[in-house]
Amino acid sequence: MFMEIAISAIGIGVVLMVGYLVISQVRSSLQNSTLDSATNASLLSTQAVVFSGFGLIAVGIIVLAAFGLISIFK
């Protein structure tokens, strides 16, 4: 059971990182053209939300691994 949850969490983490990279590439390409401050702020906000989601998934994987180790050594 722990392995299935860990694999799905890793998959979600990969999707979040790809989303973060896509948003950063869109933001950098839009900076070369006309980019107003509202659009820049919203793209920075989206990047921060995606990155924090990736951090939460990473913490979840660490906690899941800890519970798995505890159950192994019981």
PDB file of N, CA and C in Angstrom:
ATOM      1  N   MET A   1       0.823  -1.194   0.000  1.00  0.00           N
ATOM      2  CA  MET A   1       0.000   0.000   0.000  1.00  0.00           C
ATOM      3  C   MET A   1       0.868   1.259   0.000  1.00  0.00           C
ATOM      4  N   PHE A   2       1.955   1.222   0.767  1.00  0.00           N
ATOM      5  CA  PHE A   2       2.817   2.395   0.809  1.00  0.00           C
ATOM      6  C   PHE A   2       3.464   2.662  -0.545  1.00  0.00           C
ATOM      7  N   MET A   3       3.786   1.597  -1.248  1.00  0.00           N
ATOM      8  CA  MET A   3       4.459   1.745  -2.535  1.00  0.00           C
ATOM      9  C   MET A   3       3.548   2.407  -3.566  1.00  0.00           C
ATOM     10  N   GLU A   4       2.265   2.044  -3.584  1.00  0.00           N
ATOM     11  CA  GLU A   4       1.341   2.648  -4.547  1.00  0.00           C
ATOM     12  C   GLU A   4       1.153   4.133  -4.267  1.00  0.00           C
ATOM     13  N   ILE A   5       1.047   4.477  -2.996  1.00  0.00           N
ATOM     14  CA  ILE A   5       0.885   5.890  -2.638  1.00  0.00           C
ATOM     15  C   ILE A   5       2.141   6.667  -2.974  1.00  0.00           C
ATOM     16  N   ALA A   6       3.300   6.075  -2.704  1.00  0.00           N
ATOM     17  CA  ALA A   6       4.562   6.752  -3.000  1.00  0.00           C
ATOM     18  C   ALA A   6       4.741   6.963  -4.503  1.00  0.00           C
ATOM     19  N   ILE A   7       4.393   5.960  -5.294  1.00  0.00           N
ATOM     20  CA  ILE A   7       4.522   6.097  -6.752  1.00  0.00           C
ATOM     21  C   ILE A   7       3.583   7.172  -7.280  1.00  0.00           C
ATOM     22  N   SER A   8       2.361   7.216  -6.770  1.00  0.00           N
ATOM     23  CA  SER A   8       1.434   8.254  -7.231  1.00  0.00           C
ATOM     24  C   SER A   8       1.884   9.637  -6.773  1.00  0.00           C
ATOM     25  N   ALA A   9       2.448   9.733  -5.569  1.00  0.00           N
ATOM     26  CA  ALA A   9       2.949  11.031  -5.098  1.00  0.00           C
ATOM     27  C   ALA A   9       4.131  11.496  -5.936  1.00  0.00           C
ATOM     28  N   ILE A  10       4.994  10.573  -6.328  1.00  0.00           N
ATOM     29  CA  ILE A  10       6.114  10.938  -7.197  1.00  0.00           C
ATOM     30  C   ILE A  10       5.598  11.396  -8.561  1.00  0.00           C
ATOM     31  N   GLY A  11       4.576  10.731  -9.072  1.00  0.00           N
ATOM     32  CA  GLY A  11       3.981  11.150 -10.333  1.00  0.00           C
ATOM     33  C   GLY A  11       3.383  12.542 -10.258  1.00  0.00           C
ATOM     34  N   ILE A  12       2.692  12.831  -9.167  1.00  0.00           N
ATOM     35  CA  ILE A  12       2.127  14.169  -8.981  1.00  0.00           C
ATOM     36  C   ILE A  12       3.238  15.204  -8.865  1.00  0.00           C
ATOM     37  N   GLY A  13       4.307  14.849  -8.169  1.00  0.00           N
ATOM     38  CA  GLY A  13       5.450  15.758  -8.043  1.00  0.00           C
ATOM     39  C   GLY A  13       6.093  16.063  -9.381  1.00  0.00           C
ATOM     40  N   VAL A  14       6.205  15.050 -10.239  1.00  0.00           N
ATOM     41  CA  VAL A  14       6.774  15.264 -11.571  1.00  0.00           C
ATOM     42  C   VAL A  14       5.881  16.185 -12.389  1.00  0.00           C
ATOM     43  N   VAL A  15       4.574  15.966 -12.312  1.00  0.00           N
ATOM     44  CA  VAL A  15       3.641  16.827 -13.041  1.00  0.00           C
ATOM     45  C   VAL A  15       3.734  18.272 -12.541  1.00  0.00           C
ATOM     46  N   LEU A  16       3.856  18.453 -11.230  1.00  0.00           N
ATOM     47  CA  LEU A  16       3.983  19.803 -10.687  1.00  0.00           C
ATOM     48  C   LEU A  16       5.276  20.476 -11.129  1.00  0.00           C
ATOM     49  N   MET A  17       6.365  19.723 -11.166  1.00  0.00           N
ATOM     50  CA  MET A  17       7.621  20.318 -11.610  1.00  0.00           C
ATOM     51  C   MET A  17       7.585  20.687 -13.083  1.00  0.00           C
ATOM     52  N   VAL A  18       6.951  19.865 -13.904  1.00  0.00           N
ATOM     53  CA  VAL A  18       6.807  20.203 -15.321  1.00  0.00           C
ATOM     54  C   VAL A  18       5.950  21.458 -15.467  1.00  0.00           C
ATOM     55  N   GLY A  19       4.886  21.551 -14.671  1.00  0.00           N
ATOM     56  CA  GLY A  19       4.060  22.761 -14.688  1.00  0.00           C
ATOM     57  C   GLY A  19       4.838  23.991 -14.278  1.00  0.00           C
ATOM     58  N   TYR A  20       5.694  23.838 -13.268  1.00  0.00           N
ATOM     59  CA  TYR A  20       6.532  24.963 -12.823  1.00  0.00           C
ATOM     60  C   TYR A  20       7.466  25.409 -13.938  1.00  0.00           C
ATOM     61  N   LEU A  21       8.068  24.438 -14.628  1.00  0.00           N
ATOM     62  CA  LEU A  21       8.976  24.785 -15.720  1.00  0.00           C
ATOM     63  C   LEU A  21       8.242  25.436 -16.883  1.00  0.00           C
ATOM     64  N   VAL A  22       7.031  24.961 -17.181  1.00  0.00           N
ATOM     65  CA  VAL A  22       6.249  25.558 -18.267  1.00  0.00           C
ATOM     66  C   VAL A  22       5.881  27.002 -17.926  1.00  0.00           C
ATOM     67  N   ILE A  23       5.434  27.236 -16.686  1.00  0.00           N
ATOM     68  CA  ILE A  23       5.070  28.597 -16.281  1.00  0.00           C
ATOM     69  C   ILE A  23       6.284  29.519 -16.330  1.00  0.00           C
ATOM     70  N   SER A  24       7.439  29.027 -15.898  1.00  0.00           N
ATOM     71  CA  SER A  24       8.635  29.882 -15.932  1.00  0.00           C
ATOM     72  C   SER A  24       9.054  30.182 -17.367  1.00  0.00           C
ATOM     73  N   GLN A  25       8.896  29.226 -18.277  1.00  0.00           N
ATOM     74  CA  GLN A  25       9.235  29.478 -19.679  1.00  0.00           C
ATOM     75  C   GLN A  25       8.253  30.463 -20.318  1.00  0.00           C
ATOM     76  N   VAL A  26       6.987  30.341 -19.979  1.00  0.00           N
ATOM     77  CA  VAL A  26       5.992  31.284 -20.497  1.00  0.00           C
ATOM     78  C   VAL A  26       6.287  32.685 -19.985  1.00  0.00           C
ATOM     79  N   ARG A  27       6.623  32.778 -18.702  1.00  0.00           N
ATOM     80  CA  ARG A  27       6.926  34.087 -18.117  1.00  0.00           C
ATOM     81  C   ARG A  27       8.162  34.705 -18.759  1.00  0.00           C
ATOM     82  N   SER A  28       9.197  33.903 -18.981  1.00  0.00           N
ATOM     83  CA  SER A  28      10.411  34.457 -19.592  1.00  0.00           C
ATOM     84  C   SER A  28      10.182  34.843 -21.046  1.00  0.00           C
ATOM     85  N   SER A  29       9.355  34.103 -21.767  1.00  0.00           N
ATOM     86  CA  SER A  29       9.087  34.475 -23.152  1.00  0.00           C
ATOM     87  C   SER A  29       8.184  35.699 -23.244  1.00  0.00           C
ATOM     88  N   LEU A  30       7.283  35.851 -22.260  1.00  0.00           N
ATOM     89  CA  LEU A  30       6.421  37.040 -22.270  1.00  0.00           C
ATOM     90  C   LEU A  30       7.165  38.292 -21.838  1.00  0.00           C
ATOM     91  N   GLN A  31       8.246  38.131 -21.088  1.00  0.00           N
ATOM     92  CA  GLN A  31       9.003  39.312 -20.676  1.00  0.00           C
ATOM     93  C   GLN A  31       9.694  39.968 -21.854  1.00  0.00           C
ATOM     94  N   ASN A  32       9.988  39.185 -22.887  1.00  0.00           N
ATOM     95  CA  ASN A  32      10.595  39.754 -24.088  1.00  0.00           C
ATOM     96  C   ASN A  32       9.596  40.591 -24.867  1.00  0.00           C
ATOM     97  N   SER A  33       8.312  40.264 -24.751  1.00  0.00           N
ATOM     98  CA  SER A  33       7.285  41.073 -25.390  1.00  0.00           C
ATOM     99  C   SER A  33       6.718  42.031 -24.330  1.00  0.00           C
ATOM    100  N   THR A  34       5.597  42.609 -24.604  1.00  0.00           N
ATOM    101  CA  THR A  34       4.996  43.526 -23.649  1.00  0.00           C
ATOM    102  C   THR A  34       4.348  42.729 -22.521  1.00  0.00           C
ATOM    103  N   LEU A  35       4.755  43.013 -21.309  1.00  0.00           N
ATOM    104  CA  LEU A  35       4.243  42.291 -20.134  1.00  0.00           C
ATOM    105  C   LEU A  35       3.921  43.338 -19.079  1.00  0.00           C
ATOM    106  N   ASP A  36       2.632  43.480 -18.746  1.00  0.00           N
ATOM    107  CA  ASP A  36       2.271  44.452 -17.734  1.00  0.00           C
ATOM    108  C   ASP A  36       2.483  43.861 -16.344  1.00  0.00           C
ATOM    109  N   SER A  37       2.367  44.716 -15.351  1.00  0.00           N
ATOM    110  CA  SER A  37       2.683  44.288 -13.986  1.00  0.00           C
ATOM    111  C   SER A  37       1.663  43.292 -13.441  1.00  0.00           C
ATOM    112  N   ALA A  38       0.405  43.397 -13.852  1.00  0.00           N
ATOM    113  CA  ALA A  38      -0.611  42.457 -13.371  1.00  0.00           C
ATOM    114  C   ALA A  38      -0.353  41.048 -13.899  1.00  0.00           C
ATOM    115  N   THR A  39       0.018  40.944 -15.155  1.00  0.00           N
ATOM    116  CA  THR A  39       0.325  39.636 -15.730  1.00  0.00           C
ATOM    117  C   THR A  39       1.570  39.041 -15.090  1.00  0.00           C
ATOM    118  N   ASN A  40       2.574  39.884 -14.862  1.00  0.00           N
ATOM    119  CA  ASN A  40       3.799  39.413 -14.225  1.00  0.00           C
ATOM    120  C   ASN A  40       3.514  38.931 -12.804  1.00  0.00           C
ATOM    121  N   ALA A  41       2.702  39.667 -12.069  1.00  0.00           N
ATOM    122  CA  ALA A  41       2.369  39.273 -10.699  1.00  0.00           C
ATOM    123  C   ALA A  41       1.577  37.975 -10.671  1.00  0.00           C
ATOM    124  N   SER A  42       0.661  37.811 -11.611  1.00  0.00           N
ATOM    125  CA  SER A  42      -0.129  36.577 -11.624  1.00  0.00           C
ATOM    126  C   SER A  42       0.719  35.374 -12.016  1.00  0.00           C
ATOM    127  N   LEU A  43       1.665  35.550 -12.931  1.00  0.00           N
ATOM    128  CA  LEU A  43       2.552  34.452 -13.289  1.00  0.00           C
ATOM    129  C   LEU A  43       3.486  34.093 -12.133  1.00  0.00           C
ATOM    130  N   LEU A  44       3.982  35.099 -11.405  1.00  0.00           N
ATOM    131  CA  LEU A  44       4.800  34.825 -10.229  1.00  0.00           C
ATOM    132  C   LEU A  44       3.997  34.108  -9.155  1.00  0.00           C
ATOM    133  N   SER A  45       2.747  34.504  -8.989  1.00  0.00           N
ATOM    134  CA  SER A  45       1.877  33.847  -8.022  1.00  0.00           C
ATOM    135  C   SER A  45       1.617  32.397  -8.408  1.00  0.00           C
ATOM    136  N   THR A  46       1.370  32.153  -9.680  1.00  0.00           N
ATOM    137  CA  THR A  46       1.143  30.783 -10.151  1.00  0.00           C
ATOM    138  C   THR A  46       2.380  29.931  -9.948  1.00  0.00           C
ATOM    139  N   GLN A  47       3.545  30.506 -10.222  1.00  0.00           N
ATOM    140  CA  GLN A  47       4.790  29.782 -10.003  1.00  0.00           C
ATOM    141  C   GLN A  47       4.969  29.425  -8.533  1.00  0.00           C
ATOM    142  N   ALA A  48       4.660  30.344  -7.648  1.00  0.00           N
ATOM    143  CA  ALA A  48       4.805  30.095  -6.219  1.00  0.00           C
ATOM    144  C   ALA A  48       3.841  29.013  -5.739  1.00  0.00           C
ATOM    145  N   VAL A  49       2.620  29.017  -6.252  1.00  0.00           N
ATOM    146  CA  VAL A  49       1.642  27.999  -5.859  1.00  0.00           C
ATOM    147  C   VAL A  49       2.070  26.613  -6.328  1.00  0.00           C
ATOM    148  N   VAL A  50       2.546  26.522  -7.559  1.00  0.00           N
ATOM    149  CA  VAL A  50       2.988  25.229  -8.082  1.00  0.00           C
ATOM    150  C   VAL A  50       4.201  24.738  -7.309  1.00  0.00           C
ATOM    151  N   PHE A  51       5.132  25.628  -7.008  1.00  0.00           N
ATOM    152  CA  PHE A  51       6.328  25.230  -6.275  1.00  0.00           C
ATOM    153  C   PHE A  51       5.997  24.816  -4.842  1.00  0.00           C
ATOM    154  N   SER A  52       5.054  25.495  -4.208  1.00  0.00           N
ATOM    155  CA  SER A  52       4.664  25.087  -2.854  1.00  0.00           C
ATOM    156  C   SER A  52       3.924  23.751  -2.876  1.00  0.00           C
ATOM    157  N   GLY A  53       3.153  23.498  -3.912  1.00  0.00           N
ATOM    158  CA  GLY A  53       2.515  22.190  -4.061  1.00  0.00           C
ATOM    159  C   GLY A  53       3.543  21.090  -4.207  1.00  0.00           C
ATOM    160  N   PHE A  54       4.617  21.371  -4.954  1.00  0.00           N
ATOM    161  CA  PHE A  54       5.698  20.400  -5.081  1.00  0.00           C
ATOM    162  C   PHE A  54       6.364  20.154  -3.730  1.00  0.00           C
ATOM    163  N   GLY A  55       6.541  21.194  -2.945  1.00  0.00           N
ATOM    164  CA  GLY A  55       7.120  21.034  -1.607  1.00  0.00           C
ATOM    165  C   GLY A  55       6.233  20.195  -0.703  1.00  0.00           C
ATOM    166  N   LEU A  56       4.925  20.399  -0.782  1.00  0.00           N
ATOM    167  CA  LEU A  56       4.008  19.596   0.030  1.00  0.00           C
ATOM    168  C   LEU A  56       4.033  18.120  -0.367  1.00  0.00           C
ATOM    169  N   ILE A  57       4.129  17.865  -1.649  1.00  0.00           N
ATOM    170  CA  ILE A  57       4.227  16.476  -2.101  1.00  0.00           C
ATOM    171  C   ILE A  57       5.532  15.853  -1.614  1.00  0.00           C
ATOM    172  N   ALA A  58       6.631  16.623  -1.637  1.00  0.00           N
ATOM    173  CA  ALA A  58       7.910  16.102  -1.155  1.00  0.00           C
ATOM    174  C   ALA A  58       7.844  15.777   0.334  1.00  0.00           C
ATOM    175  N   VAL A  59       7.222  16.640   1.118  1.00  0.00           N
ATOM    176  CA  VAL A  59       7.065  16.372   2.548  1.00  0.00           C
ATOM    177  C   VAL A  59       6.181  15.146   2.760  1.00  0.00           C
ATOM    178  N   GLY A  60       5.144  15.009   1.964  1.00  0.00           N
ATOM    179  CA  GLY A  60       4.276  13.836   2.063  1.00  0.00           C
ATOM    180  C   GLY A  60       5.021  12.546   1.772  1.00  0.00           C
ATOM    181  N   ILE A  61       5.910  12.575   0.787  1.00  0.00           N
ATOM    182  CA  ILE A  61       6.707  11.386   0.476  1.00  0.00           C
ATOM    183  C   ILE A  61       7.636  11.048   1.636  1.00  0.00           C
ATOM    184  N   ILE A  62       8.236  12.052   2.254  1.00  0.00           N
ATOM    185  CA  ILE A  62       9.121  11.820   3.398  1.00  0.00           C
ATOM    186  C   ILE A  62       8.349  11.222   4.568  1.00  0.00           C
ATOM    187  N   VAL A  63       7.180  11.756   4.860  1.00  0.00           N
ATOM    188  CA  VAL A  63       6.357  11.219   5.952  1.00  0.00           C
ATOM    189  C   VAL A  63       5.907   9.798   5.637  1.00  0.00           C
ATOM    190  N   LEU A  64       5.536   9.551   4.398  1.00  0.00           N
ATOM    191  CA  LEU A  64       5.122   8.209   3.998  1.00  0.00           C
ATOM    192  C   LEU A  64       6.267   7.215   4.137  1.00  0.00           C
ATOM    193  N   ALA A  65       7.467   7.630   3.762  1.00  0.00           N
ATOM    194  CA  ALA A  65       8.626   6.753   3.920  1.00  0.00           C
ATOM    195  C   ALA A  65       8.906   6.476   5.394  1.00  0.00           C
ATOM    196  N   ALA A  66       8.727   7.480   6.243  1.00  0.00           N
ATOM    197  CA  ALA A  66       8.942   7.279   7.679  1.00  0.00           C
ATOM    198  C   ALA A  66       7.943   6.277   8.245  1.00  0.00           C
ATOM    199  N   PHE A  67       6.678   6.401   7.875  1.00  0.00           N
ATOM    200  CA  PHE A  67       5.679   5.439   8.345  1.00  0.00           C
ATOM    201  C   PHE A  67       5.963   4.041   7.811  1.00  0.00           C
ATOM    202  N   GLY A  68       6.442   3.949   6.576  1.00  0.00           N
ATOM    203  CA  GLY A  68       6.801   2.657   6.017  1.00  0.00           C
ATOM    204  C   GLY A  68       7.953   2.012   6.770  1.00  0.00           C
ATOM    205  N   LEU A  69       8.955   2.801   7.123  1.00  0.00           N
ATOM    206  CA  LEU A  69      10.081   2.258   7.902  1.00  0.00           C
ATOM    207  C   LEU A  69       9.659   1.849   9.292  1.00  0.00           C
ATOM    208  N   ILE A  70       8.777   2.620   9.890  1.00  0.00           N
ATOM    209  CA  ILE A  70       8.281   2.263  11.229  1.00  0.00           C
ATOM    210  C   ILE A  70       7.515   0.949  11.163  1.00  0.00           C
ATOM    211  N   SER A  71       6.697   0.778  10.131  1.00  0.00           N
ATOM    212  CA  SER A  71       5.920  -0.464  10.044  1.00  0.00           C
ATOM    213  C   SER A  71       6.815  -1.668   9.718  1.00  0.00           C
ATOM    214  N   ILE A  72       7.910  -1.437   9.017  1.00  0.00           N
ATOM    215  CA  ILE A  72       8.834  -2.541   8.710  1.00  0.00           C
ATOM    216  C   ILE A  72       9.535  -3.020   9.979  1.00  0.00           C
ATOM    217  N   PHE A  73       9.977  -2.105  10.809  1.00  0.00           N
ATOM    218  CA  PHE A  73      10.766  -2.467  11.996  1.00  0.00           C
ATOM    219  C   PHE A  73       9.923  -2.766  13.225  1.00  0.00           C
ATOM    220  N   LYS A  74       8.603  -2.818  13.102  1.00  0.00           N
ATOM    221  CA  LYS A  74       7.760  -3.187  14.243  1.00  0.00           C
ATOM    222  C   LYS A  74       7.882  -4.635  14.559  1.00  0.00           C
TER     223      LYS A  74
END
